[in-house]
N, C-alpha and C. Protein backbone atom coordinates (compact mmCIF):
# COMPACT_ATOMS: atom_id res chain seq x y z
N MET A 1 196.79 163.98 135.62
CA MET A 1 197.36 162.96 136.26
C MET A 1 197.00 161.79 135.78
N GLU A 2 197.98 160.86 134.75
CA GLU A 2 197.69 159.87 134.25
C GLU A 2 197.55 158.63 135.42
N ASP A 3 196.56 157.78 135.57
CA ASP A 3 196.57 156.87 136.76
C ASP A 3 196.38 155.82 135.79
N LYS A 4 197.10 155.04 136.74
CA LYS A 4 196.62 153.42 136.25
C LYS A 4 195.78 152.69 136.14
N ILE A 5 194.95 152.22 135.04
CA ILE A 5 193.82 151.70 135.21
C ILE A 5 193.66 150.59 136.18
N LEU A 6 192.43 150.94 137.05
CA LEU A 6 192.21 150.21 138.29
C LEU A 6 191.10 148.98 137.72
N ILE A 7 191.15 147.85 137.60
CA ILE A 7 189.87 146.84 137.46
C ILE A 7 189.51 146.23 138.96
N SER A 8 188.34 146.05 139.15
CA SER A 8 187.87 145.45 140.19
C SER A 8 186.61 144.05 139.28
N GLU A 9 186.88 143.11 139.79
CA GLU A 9 185.62 141.73 139.38
C GLU A 9 184.75 141.56 140.32
N ASN A 10 183.81 141.28 139.91
CA ASN A 10 182.56 140.41 141.12
C ASN A 10 181.54 139.77 140.31
N LYS A 11 182.11 138.45 140.11
CA LYS A 11 180.76 137.66 139.27
C LYS A 11 180.84 138.09 137.80
N LYS A 12 179.87 138.38 137.29
CA LYS A 12 179.77 138.97 135.80
C LYS A 12 180.01 140.27 135.71
N PHE A 13 180.37 141.23 136.67
CA PHE A 13 180.03 142.63 136.63
C PHE A 13 181.86 142.66 136.87
N ILE A 14 182.01 144.28 136.33
CA ILE A 14 183.64 144.87 136.36
C ILE A 14 183.40 146.60 136.72
N ILE A 15 184.58 146.94 137.64
CA ILE A 15 184.48 148.14 137.68
C ILE A 15 186.06 148.25 137.42
N SER A 16 185.98 149.77 136.44
CA SER A 16 186.90 149.88 135.35
C SER A 16 187.21 151.57 135.70
N THR A 17 188.57 152.24 135.91
CA THR A 17 188.57 153.33 135.69
C THR A 17 189.06 153.74 134.52
N GLU A 18 189.17 153.00 133.23
CA GLU A 18 189.44 152.88 132.12
C GLU A 18 188.73 154.05 131.28
N LYS A 19 188.71 155.46 131.12
CA LYS A 19 187.72 156.35 130.63
C LYS A 19 187.36 156.07 129.22
N ALA A 20 188.33 155.49 128.23
CA ALA A 20 187.83 154.80 127.09
C ALA A 20 186.65 153.92 126.77
N LYS A 21 186.53 153.45 128.24
CA LYS A 21 185.29 152.04 128.01
C LYS A 21 184.04 152.82 128.69
N LEU A 22 184.19 154.28 128.90
CA LEU A 22 182.74 154.83 129.64
C LEU A 22 182.05 155.15 128.28
N LYS A 23 180.61 154.78 128.63
CA LYS A 23 179.69 155.16 127.86
C LYS A 23 179.16 156.51 127.81
N ILE A 24 179.67 157.58 127.22
CA ILE A 24 179.41 159.27 127.54
C ILE A 24 177.57 159.30 127.36
N ASP A 25 177.04 158.77 126.35
CA ASP A 25 175.75 159.24 126.05
C ASP A 25 174.91 158.66 127.18
N LEU A 26 175.26 157.43 127.82
CA LEU A 26 174.62 156.46 129.02
C LEU A 26 174.77 157.56 129.93
N ILE A 27 175.96 157.95 130.27
CA ILE A 27 176.29 158.70 131.76
C ILE A 27 175.40 160.26 131.22
N LEU A 28 175.59 160.94 130.56
CA LEU A 28 174.67 162.25 129.74
C LEU A 28 173.31 162.04 130.18
N SER A 29 172.71 160.87 129.43
CA SER A 29 171.23 160.48 129.84
C SER A 29 170.89 160.71 131.05
N TYR A 30 171.76 159.81 131.57
CA TYR A 30 171.11 159.73 133.49
C TYR A 30 171.28 160.87 133.79
N LEU A 31 172.44 161.68 134.12
CA LEU A 31 172.65 162.90 134.75
C LEU A 31 171.75 164.02 134.30
N HIS A 32 171.17 164.10 133.06
CA HIS A 32 170.25 164.81 132.77
C HIS A 32 168.63 164.79 133.21
N ARG A 33 168.63 163.26 133.57
CA ARG A 33 167.42 163.15 134.38
C ARG A 33 167.62 163.21 136.02
N SER A 34 168.88 163.32 136.36
CA SER A 34 169.27 163.42 137.90
C SER A 34 168.47 164.89 138.49
N TYR A 35 168.52 164.98 139.75
CA TYR A 35 168.23 166.37 140.39
C TYR A 35 169.17 167.07 140.48
N TRP A 36 170.36 166.68 140.45
CA TRP A 36 171.68 167.23 141.00
C TRP A 36 172.49 167.86 139.65
N ALA A 37 171.90 167.49 138.37
CA ALA A 37 172.82 167.69 137.10
C ALA A 37 171.80 168.03 136.20
N SER A 38 170.71 168.02 135.89
CA SER A 38 169.45 168.20 135.25
C SER A 38 169.64 169.14 133.99
N GLU A 39 170.00 170.12 134.61
CA GLU A 39 170.26 171.46 133.86
C GLU A 39 171.72 171.95 133.28
N THR A 40 172.77 170.89 133.83
CA THR A 40 174.29 170.90 133.44
C THR A 40 174.25 170.64 131.89
N PRO A 41 174.85 171.77 131.25
CA PRO A 41 175.27 171.19 129.70
C PRO A 41 175.92 170.16 129.46
N ALA A 42 175.75 169.64 128.26
CA ALA A 42 176.75 168.20 128.23
C ALA A 42 177.99 168.76 128.30
N GLU A 43 178.30 169.84 127.61
CA GLU A 43 180.21 169.84 127.23
C GLU A 43 180.52 169.90 128.99
N GLN A 44 180.09 170.75 129.55
CA GLN A 44 180.18 170.65 131.08
C GLN A 44 180.19 169.46 131.39
N ILE A 45 179.42 168.31 131.64
CA ILE A 45 179.72 167.24 132.27
C ILE A 45 180.79 166.57 131.71
N ILE A 46 181.12 166.58 130.37
CA ILE A 46 182.11 165.91 129.41
C ILE A 46 183.22 166.37 130.04
N GLU A 47 183.62 167.84 130.27
CA GLU A 47 184.72 168.40 131.05
C GLU A 47 185.13 167.60 132.22
N SER A 48 184.02 167.56 133.02
CA SER A 48 184.00 167.00 134.34
C SER A 48 184.62 165.62 134.38
N ILE A 49 184.02 165.08 133.50
CA ILE A 49 184.67 163.51 132.98
C ILE A 49 186.02 163.47 132.96
N ASN A 50 186.23 164.41 131.93
CA ASN A 50 187.78 164.41 131.70
C ASN A 50 189.05 164.71 132.82
N ASN A 51 188.29 165.43 133.48
CA ASN A 51 189.18 166.07 134.64
C ASN A 51 189.19 165.35 136.04
N SER A 52 188.47 164.27 136.02
CA SER A 52 187.68 163.30 137.43
C SER A 52 188.81 162.17 137.05
N LEU A 53 188.58 161.42 138.06
CA LEU A 53 189.04 159.96 138.49
C LEU A 53 187.63 159.02 138.08
N CYS A 54 187.62 158.64 137.40
CA CYS A 54 186.03 158.08 136.86
C CYS A 54 186.16 156.72 137.38
N PHE A 55 184.62 155.93 137.32
CA PHE A 55 184.95 154.51 137.82
C PHE A 55 183.19 154.21 136.99
N GLY A 56 183.59 153.44 135.98
CA GLY A 56 182.49 152.45 135.43
C GLY A 56 181.81 151.36 135.95
N LEU A 57 180.87 151.03 136.22
CA LEU A 57 180.55 149.64 136.44
C LEU A 57 179.94 149.13 135.07
N PHE A 58 180.35 147.88 135.02
CA PHE A 58 179.82 147.05 133.63
C PHE A 58 179.41 145.74 133.81
N GLU A 59 178.47 145.47 132.86
CA GLU A 59 177.93 144.21 132.85
C GLU A 59 178.58 143.42 131.34
N ASP A 60 179.65 142.56 131.39
CA ASP A 60 180.19 142.32 130.09
C ASP A 60 180.40 144.04 129.15
N GLU A 61 180.17 144.54 128.37
CA GLU A 61 180.46 145.70 127.87
C GLU A 61 179.60 147.05 127.97
N ASN A 62 178.29 146.05 128.86
CA ASN A 62 177.17 147.37 129.08
C ASN A 62 177.35 148.16 130.54
N GLN A 63 177.23 149.42 130.24
CA GLN A 63 177.71 150.18 131.34
C GLN A 63 176.39 150.26 132.22
N ILE A 64 176.37 150.11 133.58
CA ILE A 64 175.27 150.22 134.04
C ILE A 64 175.65 150.98 135.70
N GLY A 65 176.68 151.45 135.57
CA GLY A 65 176.58 152.42 136.75
C GLY A 65 177.85 153.52 136.58
N PHE A 66 178.30 154.51 137.20
CA PHE A 66 179.10 155.55 137.15
C PHE A 66 179.15 156.27 138.73
N ALA A 67 180.61 156.67 138.78
CA ALA A 67 180.86 157.61 139.56
C ALA A 67 182.12 158.28 139.57
N ARG A 68 182.21 159.59 139.97
CA ARG A 68 183.53 160.35 139.71
C ARG A 68 183.98 160.62 140.87
N VAL A 69 185.74 161.13 141.18
CA VAL A 69 185.84 161.68 142.33
C VAL A 69 186.82 162.60 141.78
N ILE A 70 186.72 164.00 142.20
CA ILE A 70 187.01 165.12 142.07
C ILE A 70 188.69 165.14 143.24
N THR A 71 189.67 165.19 142.35
CA THR A 71 190.66 164.75 144.00
C THR A 71 192.11 165.44 143.48
N ASP A 72 192.74 165.77 144.46
CA ASP A 72 194.21 166.01 144.34
C ASP A 72 194.98 164.70 144.59
N TYR A 73 194.41 163.85 144.81
CA TYR A 73 195.26 162.54 145.40
C TYR A 73 195.87 162.27 146.50
N SER A 74 195.89 163.40 147.66
CA SER A 74 196.47 163.43 148.49
C SER A 74 195.83 164.34 149.53
N ARG A 75 195.12 164.91 149.76
CA ARG A 75 194.47 165.54 151.25
C ARG A 75 192.85 165.47 150.89
N PHE A 76 192.26 165.80 149.48
CA PHE A 76 191.12 166.03 149.24
C PHE A 76 190.02 164.97 148.02
N ALA A 77 189.04 164.46 148.32
CA ALA A 77 188.46 163.65 147.48
C ALA A 77 187.03 164.21 147.55
N TYR A 78 186.37 164.42 146.39
CA TYR A 78 184.92 164.82 146.38
C TYR A 78 183.88 163.68 145.47
N LEU A 79 183.35 162.86 146.08
CA LEU A 79 182.64 161.68 145.24
C LEU A 79 181.13 162.66 144.95
N ALA A 80 181.43 162.24 143.30
CA ALA A 80 180.11 162.84 142.42
C ALA A 80 179.68 161.94 141.60
N ASP A 81 178.16 162.47 141.36
CA ASP A 81 177.48 161.39 140.19
C ASP A 81 177.66 160.14 140.15
N VAL A 82 177.03 159.55 141.49
CA VAL A 82 177.10 158.17 141.55
C VAL A 82 175.83 157.67 140.99
N PHE A 83 175.88 156.83 140.33
CA PHE A 83 174.45 156.25 139.91
C PHE A 83 174.58 154.73 139.30
N ILE A 84 173.68 153.98 139.66
CA ILE A 84 173.43 152.70 139.26
C ILE A 84 171.95 152.81 138.31
N LEU A 85 172.20 152.21 137.03
CA LEU A 85 170.98 152.22 136.41
C LEU A 85 169.60 151.61 137.00
N GLU A 86 168.49 152.25 137.04
CA GLU A 86 167.58 151.35 137.95
C GLU A 86 167.11 150.34 137.85
N GLU A 87 167.22 149.21 136.51
CA GLU A 87 166.74 147.90 136.53
C GLU A 87 168.23 147.31 137.27
N TRP A 88 169.34 147.71 137.57
CA TRP A 88 170.40 147.24 138.33
C TRP A 88 170.33 147.40 139.68
N ARG A 89 169.12 148.38 140.30
CA ARG A 89 169.55 148.54 141.82
C ARG A 89 169.12 147.71 142.44
N GLY A 90 169.45 147.43 143.94
CA GLY A 90 168.86 146.17 144.78
C GLY A 90 169.58 144.95 144.54
N LYS A 91 171.03 145.14 143.95
CA LYS A 91 172.01 143.76 144.24
C LYS A 91 173.06 144.03 144.80
N GLY A 92 173.09 145.38 145.42
CA GLY A 92 174.22 145.26 145.94
C GLY A 92 175.42 145.94 145.41
N LEU A 93 175.40 146.60 144.01
CA LEU A 93 176.25 147.25 143.43
C LEU A 93 176.50 148.26 143.54
N CYS A 94 175.98 149.35 143.88
CA CYS A 94 176.17 150.71 144.60
C CYS A 94 177.02 150.61 145.86
N LYS A 95 176.69 149.55 146.73
CA LYS A 95 177.53 149.45 147.86
C LYS A 95 179.10 148.94 147.19
N TRP A 96 179.31 148.12 146.39
CA TRP A 96 180.63 147.60 145.92
C TRP A 96 181.20 148.37 145.07
N LEU A 97 180.50 149.23 144.28
CA LEU A 97 181.19 150.40 143.70
C LEU A 97 181.64 151.42 144.67
N ILE A 98 181.01 151.78 145.61
CA ILE A 98 181.66 152.71 146.92
C ILE A 98 182.57 152.24 147.41
N LYS A 99 182.70 150.72 147.74
CA LYS A 99 183.91 150.09 148.51
C LYS A 99 185.02 150.54 147.60
N THR A 100 184.98 149.90 146.06
CA THR A 100 185.99 150.00 145.31
C THR A 100 186.52 151.32 145.14
N ILE A 101 185.80 152.21 145.04
CA ILE A 101 186.34 153.89 145.18
C ILE A 101 186.99 154.19 146.45
N MET A 102 186.54 153.45 147.47
CA MET A 102 187.15 154.19 148.91
C MET A 102 188.27 153.42 148.98
N GLU A 103 188.30 152.18 148.51
CA GLU A 103 189.72 151.32 148.77
C GLU A 103 191.07 151.91 147.50
N HIS A 104 190.56 152.55 146.52
CA HIS A 104 191.67 153.01 145.73
C HIS A 104 192.99 153.63 146.17
N PRO A 105 193.66 152.79 145.93
CA PRO A 105 195.37 153.18 146.53
C PRO A 105 195.59 154.44 146.81
N LYS A 106 195.31 155.39 145.69
CA LYS A 106 195.71 156.48 145.79
C LYS A 106 194.90 157.79 146.73
N LEU A 107 193.90 157.18 146.89
CA LEU A 107 193.29 157.89 147.67
C LEU A 107 192.79 157.71 149.32
N GLN A 108 194.04 157.17 149.41
CA GLN A 108 194.02 156.65 151.40
C GLN A 108 194.15 157.46 152.36
N LYS A 109 194.83 158.70 151.90
CA LYS A 109 194.98 159.68 152.71
C LYS A 109 194.16 160.73 152.49
N ALA A 110 193.28 160.62 151.56
CA ALA A 110 192.27 162.16 151.50
C ALA A 110 191.22 162.14 152.37
N ARG A 111 190.91 163.36 152.66
CA ARG A 111 189.56 164.05 153.39
C ARG A 111 188.38 163.75 152.46
N TRP A 112 187.32 162.80 152.79
CA TRP A 112 186.49 162.80 151.66
C TRP A 112 185.22 163.57 152.00
N MET A 113 184.50 164.12 150.75
CA MET A 113 183.18 165.04 150.79
C MET A 113 182.28 164.28 149.80
N LEU A 114 181.08 164.72 150.06
CA LEU A 114 179.92 164.33 149.01
C LEU A 114 178.59 164.91 149.62
N ALA A 115 177.79 165.42 148.51
CA ALA A 115 176.53 165.81 148.95
C ALA A 115 175.63 165.00 148.04
N THR A 116 174.25 164.79 149.12
CA THR A 116 173.33 164.10 148.76
C THR A 116 171.99 164.50 149.20
N LYS A 117 171.01 164.09 148.44
CA LYS A 117 169.45 164.71 148.76
C LYS A 117 169.12 163.41 149.65
N ASP A 118 169.53 161.87 149.29
CA ASP A 118 168.49 160.88 149.80
C ASP A 118 169.15 159.58 149.95
N ALA A 119 170.64 159.61 150.29
CA ALA A 119 171.25 158.53 149.82
C ALA A 119 172.07 158.65 151.51
N HIS A 120 172.16 159.22 152.24
CA HIS A 120 172.66 159.15 153.62
C HIS A 120 172.97 157.78 154.22
N SER A 121 172.06 156.94 154.19
CA SER A 121 171.93 155.81 154.68
C SER A 121 173.06 154.95 154.16
N LEU A 122 173.11 154.93 152.73
CA LEU A 122 174.19 154.70 152.13
C LEU A 122 175.62 155.01 152.44
N TYR A 123 175.84 156.17 152.33
CA TYR A 123 177.35 156.54 152.48
C TYR A 123 177.49 156.35 154.24
N GLU A 124 176.67 156.62 154.93
CA GLU A 124 177.25 156.25 156.48
C GLU A 124 177.76 155.16 156.69
N LYS A 125 177.46 154.09 155.65
CA LYS A 125 178.04 152.59 155.99
C LYS A 125 179.29 152.70 155.68
N PHE A 126 180.15 153.74 154.76
CA PHE A 126 181.31 153.95 154.62
C PHE A 126 182.00 155.00 155.07
N GLY A 127 181.42 155.24 156.20
CA GLY A 127 182.00 156.47 157.10
C GLY A 127 181.76 157.92 157.15
N PHE A 128 181.03 158.14 155.95
CA PHE A 128 180.38 159.63 155.77
C PHE A 128 179.67 160.21 157.26
N THR A 129 179.76 161.26 157.29
CA THR A 129 178.78 161.69 158.41
C THR A 129 178.36 163.20 157.96
N SER A 130 177.44 163.51 158.58
CA SER A 130 176.99 164.96 158.09
C SER A 130 177.74 165.92 158.61
N LEU A 131 178.09 167.13 158.33
CA LEU A 131 179.50 167.97 158.93
C LEU A 131 178.98 168.59 160.07
N ASN A 132 180.02 168.45 160.88
CA ASN A 132 180.07 169.04 162.42
C ASN A 132 179.68 170.31 162.61
N GLU A 133 180.41 171.28 161.98
CA GLU A 133 180.37 172.28 161.74
C GLU A 133 179.96 173.31 160.53
N PRO A 134 178.92 173.10 159.84
CA PRO A 134 178.49 173.17 158.50
C PRO A 134 178.70 175.06 158.45
N GLU A 135 178.52 175.51 159.50
CA GLU A 135 179.05 176.97 159.33
C GLU A 135 180.21 177.54 158.74
N LYS A 136 181.12 176.31 159.01
CA LYS A 136 182.48 176.62 158.70
C LYS A 136 182.78 176.43 157.38
N TYR A 137 181.72 176.03 156.56
CA TYR A 137 182.09 175.55 154.83
C TYR A 137 181.09 176.56 153.83
N MET A 138 181.71 177.01 152.77
CA MET A 138 181.01 177.89 152.17
C MET A 138 181.04 177.23 150.96
N ILE A 139 179.78 177.76 149.94
CA ILE A 139 179.51 177.33 148.51
C ILE A 139 179.91 178.60 147.58
N LYS A 140 180.42 178.34 146.53
CA LYS A 140 180.34 179.58 145.45
C LYS A 140 179.64 179.16 144.26
N LYS A 141 178.38 179.06 143.89
CA LYS A 141 177.94 178.98 142.75
C LYS A 141 178.37 179.77 141.45
N PRO A 142 178.62 179.39 140.44
CA PRO A 142 178.78 180.20 139.19
C PRO A 142 177.67 180.83 138.46
N GLU A 143 177.66 181.90 138.16
CA GLU A 143 176.85 182.40 137.42
C GLU A 143 176.56 181.94 135.90
N MET A 144 175.45 181.31 135.53
CA MET A 144 175.38 180.30 134.57
C MET A 144 174.58 181.62 133.46
N ASN A 145 175.47 181.58 132.39
CA ASN A 145 174.77 182.19 131.04
C ASN A 145 174.91 181.32 129.86
N PHE A 146 173.96 180.59 129.81
CA PHE A 146 174.04 179.42 128.71
C PHE A 146 173.73 180.22 127.28
N ASN A 147 173.19 181.41 127.26
CA ASN A 147 173.34 181.81 125.97
C ASN A 147 174.70 182.67 125.44
N GLU A 148 175.70 182.40 126.01
CA GLU A 148 176.95 183.01 125.28
C GLU A 148 177.63 181.99 124.66
């Protein structure tokens, strides 16, 4: 689904959904250092970006943050790969990024999900809660054979 490009501005920072602006090397570098995607092949990360609604956070032309949403634009939205580069943290930029994502006009009817190891208090500010009945949810992880 082709999306109209969404742009949000805040002082000298811009959030954009324009994929052509994304700095793929920077995203790969960060995600390969993260706890959740460190072993994911670059090709798979690039494919996930191509198939998601992506949000880049920029100061001028320098990308300093990223997040993506896996969605059907109707009933479901999964927030993933959220990060702000270390030197830009503590300035409220992640809150602004999440707020911008949550306010996206095409995602207003969706039920949201995400997984986090250490940012529960951040996401709780946007209405996220732990699963009420986690026994009802299941996950299937792919068998990864990186030698193929």
